[in-house]
Amino acid sequence: MLTYTITELAREFDITPRAIRFYEDQGLLTPAREGPGGRHRVYTGQDRTRLKLTLRGKRLGLTLSEIKSILDLYESPKDTVSQLRVFLETLSQHRQVLEQQLEDLHATLDEVAQHEAQCLALLEAAGEAAPADVARRSKTTAVSH
C-alpha cells in the first residue's frame, strides 16, 4: 500500500504541514501513527484523496464542516440516494450564496466604474490626461457586464 509523509503531501499540494495537521484536528484526515510514541504520521491514498477534496471544497468556498459532512457521507454505510440528496442540498445552498456574492460584486464594480468615469470627466475638464490604465479599464468595465 502506498503511503505518504506529511512533508510529501505538503509539497504536493503546496500547503504547510501545519495546515495538514489542522485538517487532522478538524477530523478531515486520520493518518496512522508510527514510531516512538506515535510521533510520525503516515497518510494513505485515502487520506491523500480526502486532502485533495478538502482543498477543492475550500476553493469552492465550502466550510470545513460542510466538507467534512460530504467526505463522511462517502464513507458511511448509507445508501447512495440519501448521500446524493444531502450533497445536492449543500451544493444548492452554496450556489445561492455564490450567486448573491456575484450580484453584489457586479453592483460594486458598477459603482467603481461610475466613480472612475466621474474622475475621468473631471480630469478632462481640468485639461489633464487620465492614466492610460484607468481610462482603458473604465471603458472595458462598462462593456463587460
N, C-alpha and C. Protein backbone atom coordinates (compact mmCIF):
# COMPACT_ATOMS: atom_id res chain seq x y z
N MET A 1 0.85 -1.19 0.00
CA MET A 1 0.00 0.00 0.00
C MET A 1 0.89 1.24 0.00
N LEU A 2 0.58 2.17 -0.86
CA LEU A 2 1.34 3.41 -0.98
C LEU A 2 1.00 4.34 0.17
N THR A 3 2.02 4.87 0.82
CA THR A 3 1.81 5.81 1.93
C THR A 3 2.59 7.09 1.67
N TYR A 4 2.24 8.11 2.43
CA TYR A 4 2.85 9.43 2.27
C TYR A 4 3.20 10.00 3.64
N THR A 5 4.22 10.84 3.65
CA THR A 5 4.55 11.58 4.86
C THR A 5 3.86 12.93 4.79
N ILE A 6 3.82 13.61 5.90
CA ILE A 6 3.21 14.94 5.93
C ILE A 6 3.97 15.90 5.02
N THR A 7 5.29 15.74 4.96
CA THR A 7 6.11 16.61 4.11
C THR A 7 5.81 16.37 2.64
N GLU A 8 5.63 15.11 2.26
CA GLU A 8 5.33 14.80 0.86
C GLU A 8 3.98 15.40 0.45
N LEU A 9 2.99 15.25 1.30
CA LEU A 9 1.67 15.82 0.97
C LEU A 9 1.71 17.34 0.94
N ALA A 10 2.41 17.92 1.89
CA ALA A 10 2.51 19.39 1.93
C ALA A 10 3.16 19.90 0.64
N ARG A 11 4.20 19.23 0.21
CA ARG A 11 4.90 19.63 -1.00
C ARG A 11 4.00 19.44 -2.23
N GLU A 12 3.34 18.29 -2.31
CA GLU A 12 2.49 18.00 -3.46
C GLU A 12 1.36 19.01 -3.62
N PHE A 13 0.74 19.40 -2.51
CA PHE A 13 -0.42 20.29 -2.58
C PHE A 13 -0.08 21.74 -2.28
N ASP A 14 1.21 22.02 -2.12
CA ASP A 14 1.69 23.39 -1.89
C ASP A 14 0.99 24.04 -0.70
N ILE A 15 0.96 23.30 0.40
CA ILE A 15 0.43 23.81 1.66
C ILE A 15 1.45 23.48 2.75
N THR A 16 1.25 24.01 3.93
CA THR A 16 2.19 23.77 5.02
C THR A 16 1.81 22.50 5.79
N PRO A 17 2.80 21.87 6.40
CA PRO A 17 2.48 20.73 7.28
C PRO A 17 1.50 21.15 8.38
N ARG A 18 1.61 22.39 8.84
CA ARG A 18 0.69 22.87 9.87
C ARG A 18 -0.75 22.84 9.38
N ALA A 19 -0.96 23.20 8.11
CA ALA A 19 -2.32 23.15 7.54
C ALA A 19 -2.84 21.72 7.54
N ILE A 20 -1.99 20.78 7.20
CA ILE A 20 -2.40 19.37 7.21
C ILE A 20 -2.74 18.92 8.62
N ARG A 21 -1.94 19.33 9.60
CA ARG A 21 -2.24 18.99 11.00
C ARG A 21 -3.57 19.62 11.43
N PHE A 22 -3.83 20.84 10.95
CA PHE A 22 -5.10 21.50 11.27
C PHE A 22 -6.27 20.68 10.71
N TYR A 23 -6.16 20.23 9.46
CA TYR A 23 -7.23 19.42 8.88
C TYR A 23 -7.41 18.12 9.66
N GLU A 24 -6.31 17.59 10.17
CA GLU A 24 -6.39 16.40 11.02
C GLU A 24 -7.15 16.74 12.31
N ASP A 25 -6.82 17.87 12.92
CA ASP A 25 -7.51 18.29 14.15
C ASP A 25 -9.02 18.48 13.91
N GLN A 26 -9.38 18.87 12.70
CA GLN A 26 -10.79 19.09 12.36
C GLN A 26 -11.51 17.79 11.97
N GLY A 27 -10.78 16.68 11.97
CA GLY A 27 -11.37 15.38 11.65
C GLY A 27 -11.48 15.08 10.17
N LEU A 28 -10.81 15.87 9.34
CA LEU A 28 -10.85 15.65 7.90
C LEU A 28 -9.87 14.57 7.46
N LEU A 29 -8.80 14.40 8.20
CA LEU A 29 -7.78 13.39 7.90
C LEU A 29 -7.54 12.56 9.15
N THR A 30 -7.24 11.28 8.94
CA THR A 30 -6.97 10.39 10.08
C THR A 30 -5.76 9.51 9.77
N PRO A 31 -4.57 10.09 9.79
CA PRO A 31 -3.38 9.30 9.48
C PRO A 31 -3.08 8.29 10.59
N ALA A 32 -2.40 7.22 10.19
CA ALA A 32 -1.90 6.27 11.18
C ALA A 32 -0.69 6.90 11.85
N ARG A 33 -0.35 6.39 13.01
CA ARG A 33 0.82 6.89 13.75
C ARG A 33 1.84 5.77 13.87
N GLU A 34 3.09 6.12 13.63
CA GLU A 34 4.17 5.14 13.75
C GLU A 34 5.31 5.74 14.55
N GLY A 35 6.26 4.90 14.87
CA GLY A 35 7.46 5.35 15.56
C GLY A 35 7.24 5.47 17.05
N PRO A 36 8.29 5.88 17.75
CA PRO A 36 8.21 6.02 19.21
C PRO A 36 7.14 7.02 19.61
N GLY A 37 6.20 6.58 20.41
CA GLY A 37 5.15 7.48 20.88
C GLY A 37 4.18 7.91 19.80
N GLY A 38 4.20 7.24 18.64
CA GLY A 38 3.29 7.61 17.55
C GLY A 38 3.53 8.99 17.00
N ARG A 39 4.79 9.39 16.99
CA ARG A 39 5.13 10.76 16.57
C ARG A 39 5.07 10.99 15.07
N HIS A 40 5.20 9.93 14.28
CA HIS A 40 5.24 10.09 12.82
C HIS A 40 3.89 9.74 12.21
N ARG A 41 3.37 10.66 11.44
CA ARG A 41 2.10 10.43 10.76
C ARG A 41 2.36 9.71 9.45
N VAL A 42 1.49 8.76 9.14
CA VAL A 42 1.58 8.02 7.88
C VAL A 42 0.22 8.14 7.20
N TYR A 43 0.23 8.75 6.02
CA TYR A 43 -1.01 9.02 5.29
C TYR A 43 -1.19 7.99 4.18
N THR A 44 -2.41 7.51 4.02
CA THR A 44 -2.74 6.54 2.97
C THR A 44 -3.23 7.27 1.72
N GLY A 45 -3.48 6.50 0.68
CA GLY A 45 -4.06 7.06 -0.53
C GLY A 45 -5.42 7.68 -0.25
N GLN A 46 -6.17 7.08 0.67
CA GLN A 46 -7.47 7.64 1.05
C GLN A 46 -7.30 9.00 1.73
N ASP A 47 -6.29 9.12 2.60
CA ASP A 47 -6.02 10.41 3.24
C ASP A 47 -5.64 11.46 2.18
N ARG A 48 -4.84 11.04 1.20
CA ARG A 48 -4.42 11.94 0.14
C ARG A 48 -5.65 12.44 -0.64
N THR A 49 -6.55 11.51 -0.95
CA THR A 49 -7.77 11.89 -1.67
C THR A 49 -8.63 12.83 -0.84
N ARG A 50 -8.77 12.54 0.44
CA ARG A 50 -9.55 13.42 1.33
C ARG A 50 -8.94 14.82 1.38
N LEU A 51 -7.60 14.89 1.42
CA LEU A 51 -6.93 16.19 1.43
C LEU A 51 -7.20 16.93 0.12
N LYS A 52 -7.08 16.22 -0.98
CA LYS A 52 -7.33 16.83 -2.29
C LYS A 52 -8.77 17.37 -2.37
N LEU A 53 -9.73 16.58 -1.91
CA LEU A 53 -11.13 17.01 -1.94
C LEU A 53 -11.39 18.15 -0.96
N THR A 54 -10.69 18.13 0.17
CA THR A 54 -10.81 19.23 1.15
C THR A 54 -10.35 20.54 0.52
N LEU A 55 -9.21 20.50 -0.14
CA LEU A 55 -8.68 21.71 -0.77
C LEU A 55 -9.58 22.18 -1.91
N ARG A 56 -10.14 21.24 -2.64
CA ARG A 56 -11.07 21.61 -3.71
C ARG A 56 -12.32 22.25 -3.12
N GLY A 57 -12.84 21.67 -2.05
CA GLY A 57 -14.01 22.24 -1.38
C GLY A 57 -13.75 23.64 -0.87
N LYS A 58 -12.55 23.86 -0.33
CA LYS A 58 -12.19 25.21 0.13
C LYS A 58 -12.17 26.19 -1.02
N ARG A 59 -11.62 25.77 -2.17
CA ARG A 59 -11.59 26.65 -3.34
C ARG A 59 -13.01 27.00 -3.80
N LEU A 60 -13.93 26.06 -3.60
CA LEU A 60 -15.33 26.31 -3.96
C LEU A 60 -16.05 27.16 -2.92
N GLY A 61 -15.38 27.40 -1.78
CA GLY A 61 -15.97 28.24 -0.75
C GLY A 61 -16.77 27.49 0.29
N LEU A 62 -16.69 26.16 0.29
CA LEU A 62 -17.39 25.38 1.31
C LEU A 62 -16.69 25.54 2.65
N THR A 63 -17.45 25.46 3.73
CA THR A 63 -16.85 25.49 5.06
C THR A 63 -16.24 24.13 5.36
N LEU A 64 -15.35 24.09 6.34
CA LEU A 64 -14.74 22.81 6.70
C LEU A 64 -15.78 21.83 7.21
N SER A 65 -16.79 22.31 7.91
CA SER A 65 -17.83 21.39 8.39
C SER A 65 -18.65 20.83 7.22
N GLU A 66 -18.90 21.65 6.20
CA GLU A 66 -19.60 21.15 5.01
C GLU A 66 -18.75 20.11 4.29
N ILE A 67 -17.46 20.40 4.17
CA ILE A 67 -16.54 19.47 3.52
C ILE A 67 -16.51 18.15 4.28
N LYS A 68 -16.41 18.25 5.60
CA LYS A 68 -16.35 17.03 6.42
C LYS A 68 -17.63 16.22 6.27
N SER A 69 -18.77 16.87 6.26
CA SER A 69 -20.04 16.15 6.09
C SER A 69 -20.07 15.42 4.76
N ILE A 70 -19.62 16.09 3.71
CA ILE A 70 -19.61 15.47 2.38
C ILE A 70 -18.65 14.28 2.36
N LEU A 71 -17.45 14.47 2.89
CA LEU A 71 -16.47 13.38 2.91
C LEU A 71 -16.98 12.21 3.74
N ASP A 72 -17.58 12.50 4.87
CA ASP A 72 -18.09 11.43 5.74
C ASP A 72 -19.23 10.66 5.09
N LEU A 73 -20.04 11.34 4.28
CA LEU A 73 -21.13 10.66 3.58
C LEU A 73 -20.61 9.54 2.70
N TYR A 74 -19.50 9.80 2.02
CA TYR A 74 -18.96 8.81 1.10
C TYR A 74 -18.35 7.61 1.81
N GLU A 75 -18.09 7.74 3.08
CA GLU A 75 -17.51 6.63 3.83
C GLU A 75 -18.53 5.97 4.75
N SER A 76 -19.76 6.45 4.72
CA SER A 76 -20.79 5.90 5.60
C SER A 76 -21.51 4.75 4.88
N PRO A 77 -22.17 3.89 5.65
CA PRO A 77 -22.89 2.78 5.04
C PRO A 77 -24.26 3.17 4.48
N LYS A 78 -24.58 4.45 4.47
CA LYS A 78 -25.88 4.91 3.98
C LYS A 78 -26.02 4.63 2.48
N ASP A 79 -27.26 4.63 2.02
CA ASP A 79 -27.48 4.38 0.60
C ASP A 79 -27.09 5.60 -0.22
N THR A 80 -26.79 5.37 -1.47
CA THR A 80 -26.29 6.41 -2.36
C THR A 80 -27.30 7.52 -2.58
N VAL A 81 -28.57 7.20 -2.64
CA VAL A 81 -29.60 8.21 -2.90
C VAL A 81 -29.60 9.29 -1.82
N SER A 82 -29.57 8.87 -0.56
CA SER A 82 -29.58 9.88 0.52
C SER A 82 -28.30 10.69 0.52
N GLN A 83 -27.17 10.05 0.20
CA GLN A 83 -25.91 10.78 0.11
C GLN A 83 -25.98 11.85 -0.96
N LEU A 84 -26.50 11.47 -2.11
CA LEU A 84 -26.60 12.42 -3.21
C LEU A 84 -27.56 13.56 -2.88
N ARG A 85 -28.63 13.27 -2.19
CA ARG A 85 -29.58 14.33 -1.81
C ARG A 85 -28.93 15.34 -0.87
N VAL A 86 -28.21 14.85 0.12
CA VAL A 86 -27.53 15.75 1.05
C VAL A 86 -26.49 16.58 0.30
N PHE A 87 -25.72 15.93 -0.55
CA PHE A 87 -24.69 16.63 -1.33
C PHE A 87 -25.33 17.68 -2.23
N LEU A 88 -26.42 17.32 -2.89
CA LEU A 88 -27.11 18.25 -3.78
C LEU A 88 -27.65 19.45 -3.00
N GLU A 89 -28.20 19.22 -1.82
CA GLU A 89 -28.72 20.31 -0.99
C GLU A 89 -27.58 21.25 -0.57
N THR A 90 -26.44 20.68 -0.18
CA THR A 90 -25.28 21.50 0.19
C THR A 90 -24.83 22.35 -0.99
N LEU A 91 -24.75 21.73 -2.17
CA LEU A 91 -24.34 22.48 -3.36
C LEU A 91 -25.36 23.56 -3.71
N SER A 92 -26.63 23.26 -3.57
CA SER A 92 -27.68 24.24 -3.88
C SER A 92 -27.58 25.46 -2.96
N GLN A 93 -27.39 25.21 -1.68
CA GLN A 93 -27.24 26.32 -0.73
C GLN A 93 -26.00 27.14 -1.06
N HIS A 94 -24.93 26.45 -1.40
CA HIS A 94 -23.69 27.15 -1.72
C HIS A 94 -23.85 27.97 -3.01
N ARG A 95 -24.55 27.42 -3.99
CA ARG A 95 -24.79 28.14 -5.24
C ARG A 95 -25.55 29.44 -4.97
N GLN A 96 -26.56 29.40 -4.10
CA GLN A 96 -27.32 30.60 -3.77
C GLN A 96 -26.42 31.67 -3.17
N VAL A 97 -25.54 31.26 -2.28
CA VAL A 97 -24.61 32.22 -1.65
C VAL A 97 -23.70 32.82 -2.71
N LEU A 98 -23.14 31.97 -3.59
CA LEU A 98 -22.23 32.46 -4.63
C LEU A 98 -22.94 33.40 -5.60
N GLU A 99 -24.17 33.07 -5.97
CA GLU A 99 -24.92 33.94 -6.88
C GLU A 99 -25.19 35.30 -6.26
N GLN A 100 -25.48 35.33 -4.96
CA GLN A 100 -25.68 36.60 -4.27
C GLN A 100 -24.38 37.40 -4.22
N GLN A 101 -23.28 36.70 -3.94
CA GLN A 101 -21.98 37.38 -3.90
C GLN A 101 -21.63 37.94 -5.27
N LEU A 102 -21.93 37.18 -6.33
CA LEU A 102 -21.65 37.65 -7.68
C LEU A 102 -22.48 38.89 -8.00
N GLU A 103 -23.74 38.86 -7.61
CA GLU A 103 -24.61 40.03 -7.81
C GLU A 103 -24.06 41.25 -7.07
N ASP A 104 -23.63 41.04 -5.83
CA ASP A 104 -23.04 42.13 -5.04
C ASP A 104 -21.76 42.66 -5.68
N LEU A 105 -20.94 41.75 -6.20
CA LEU A 105 -19.70 42.17 -6.87
C LEU A 105 -19.99 43.00 -8.12
N HIS A 106 -20.97 42.57 -8.90
CA HIS A 106 -21.33 43.34 -10.09
C HIS A 106 -21.82 44.74 -9.71
N ALA A 107 -22.62 44.83 -8.66
CA ALA A 107 -23.10 46.14 -8.22
C ALA A 107 -21.93 47.02 -7.77
N THR A 108 -21.00 46.44 -7.04
CA THR A 108 -19.83 47.19 -6.57
C THR A 108 -18.97 47.63 -7.75
N LEU A 109 -18.76 46.73 -8.71
CA LEU A 109 -17.97 47.10 -9.89
C LEU A 109 -18.65 48.22 -10.68
N ASP A 110 -19.97 48.18 -10.77
CA ASP A 110 -20.69 49.26 -11.45
C ASP A 110 -20.47 50.60 -10.74
N GLU A 111 -20.50 50.58 -9.41
CA GLU A 111 -20.26 51.81 -8.64
C GLU A 111 -18.84 52.32 -8.86
N VAL A 112 -17.87 51.41 -8.85
CA VAL A 112 -16.48 51.81 -9.09
C VAL A 112 -16.35 52.42 -10.48
N ALA A 113 -16.97 51.79 -11.47
CA ALA A 113 -16.90 52.31 -12.84
C ALA A 113 -17.51 53.71 -12.92
N GLN A 114 -18.60 53.96 -12.20
CA GLN A 114 -19.21 55.29 -12.19
C GLN A 114 -18.26 56.32 -11.58
N HIS A 115 -17.61 55.96 -10.48
CA HIS A 115 -16.66 56.88 -9.85
C HIS A 115 -15.46 57.14 -10.76
N GLU A 116 -14.98 56.09 -11.43
CA GLU A 116 -13.87 56.28 -12.37
C GLU A 116 -14.29 57.22 -13.50
N ALA A 117 -15.49 57.02 -14.02
CA ALA A 117 -15.97 57.88 -15.11
C ALA A 117 -16.08 59.33 -14.66
N GLN A 118 -16.56 59.55 -13.44
CA GLN A 118 -16.64 60.91 -12.90
C GLN A 118 -15.25 61.53 -12.77
N CYS A 119 -14.31 60.76 -12.26
CA CYS A 119 -12.94 61.27 -12.11
C CYS A 119 -12.32 61.57 -13.46
N LEU A 120 -12.53 60.69 -14.43
CA LEU A 120 -12.00 60.92 -15.77
C LEU A 120 -12.60 62.19 -16.38
N ALA A 121 -13.89 62.40 -16.18
CA ALA A 121 -14.54 63.61 -16.71
C ALA A 121 -13.97 64.86 -16.05
N LEU A 122 -13.74 64.80 -14.73
CA LEU A 122 -13.16 65.95 -14.02
C LEU A 122 -11.74 66.23 -14.49
N LEU A 123 -10.95 65.16 -14.70
CA LEU A 123 -9.59 65.35 -15.21
C LEU A 123 -9.62 65.97 -16.60
N GLU A 124 -10.51 65.48 -17.43
CA GLU A 124 -10.62 66.01 -18.78
C GLU A 124 -11.04 67.48 -18.75
N ALA A 125 -11.98 67.83 -17.88
CA ALA A 125 -12.44 69.22 -17.76
C ALA A 125 -11.31 70.12 -17.27
N ALA A 126 -10.40 69.55 -16.48
CA ALA A 126 -9.27 70.32 -15.97
C ALA A 126 -8.11 70.34 -16.96
N GLY A 127 -8.30 69.69 -18.11
CA GLY A 127 -7.25 69.68 -19.12
C GLY A 127 -6.14 68.69 -18.81
N GLU A 128 -6.41 67.73 -17.97
CA GLU A 128 -5.41 66.73 -17.60
C GLU A 128 -5.71 65.40 -18.29
N ALA A 129 -4.66 64.69 -18.63
CA ALA A 129 -4.83 63.36 -19.21
C ALA A 129 -4.97 62.33 -18.09
N ALA A 130 -5.86 61.40 -18.28
CA ALA A 130 -6.05 60.33 -17.28
C ALA A 130 -4.98 59.28 -17.48
N PRO A 131 -4.58 58.60 -16.41
CA PRO A 131 -3.66 57.48 -16.57
C PRO A 131 -4.26 56.47 -17.55
N ALA A 132 -3.45 55.95 -18.45
CA ALA A 132 -3.93 55.07 -19.51
C ALA A 132 -4.62 53.82 -18.97
N ASP A 133 -4.09 53.24 -17.90
CA ASP A 133 -4.69 52.00 -17.39
C ASP A 133 -6.08 52.25 -16.81
N VAL A 134 -6.29 53.41 -16.18
CA VAL A 134 -7.61 53.72 -15.62
C VAL A 134 -8.60 53.97 -16.75
N ALA A 135 -8.20 54.73 -17.75
CA ALA A 135 -9.08 55.03 -18.86
C ALA A 135 -9.46 53.75 -19.60
N ARG A 136 -8.48 52.88 -19.83
CA ARG A 136 -8.73 51.62 -20.53
C ARG A 136 -9.65 50.72 -19.70
N ARG A 137 -9.37 50.61 -18.40
CA ARG A 137 -10.16 49.77 -17.50
C ARG A 137 -11.59 50.29 -17.41
N SER A 138 -11.74 51.60 -17.38
CA SER A 138 -13.07 52.20 -17.28
C SER A 138 -13.91 51.84 -18.49
N LYS A 139 -13.30 51.84 -19.67
CA LYS A 139 -14.03 51.51 -20.89
C LYS A 139 -14.42 50.03 -20.92
N THR A 140 -13.51 49.14 -20.52
CA THR A 140 -13.81 47.71 -20.57
C THR A 140 -14.78 47.30 -19.48
N THR A 141 -14.76 47.94 -18.33
CA THR A 141 -15.69 47.60 -17.25
C THR A 141 -17.11 47.94 -17.66
N ALA A 142 -17.29 49.05 -18.31
CA ALA A 142 -18.62 49.46 -18.72
C ALA A 142 -19.21 48.49 -19.74
N VAL A 143 -18.35 47.86 -20.56
CA VAL A 143 -18.80 46.95 -21.61
C VAL A 143 -18.99 45.53 -21.09
N SER A 144 -18.19 45.11 -20.10
CA SER A 144 -18.13 43.70 -19.71
C SER A 144 -19.38 43.15 -19.03
N HIS A 145 -20.17 43.95 -18.36
CA HIS A 145 -21.40 43.43 -17.76
C HIS A 145 -22.45 44.47 -17.87
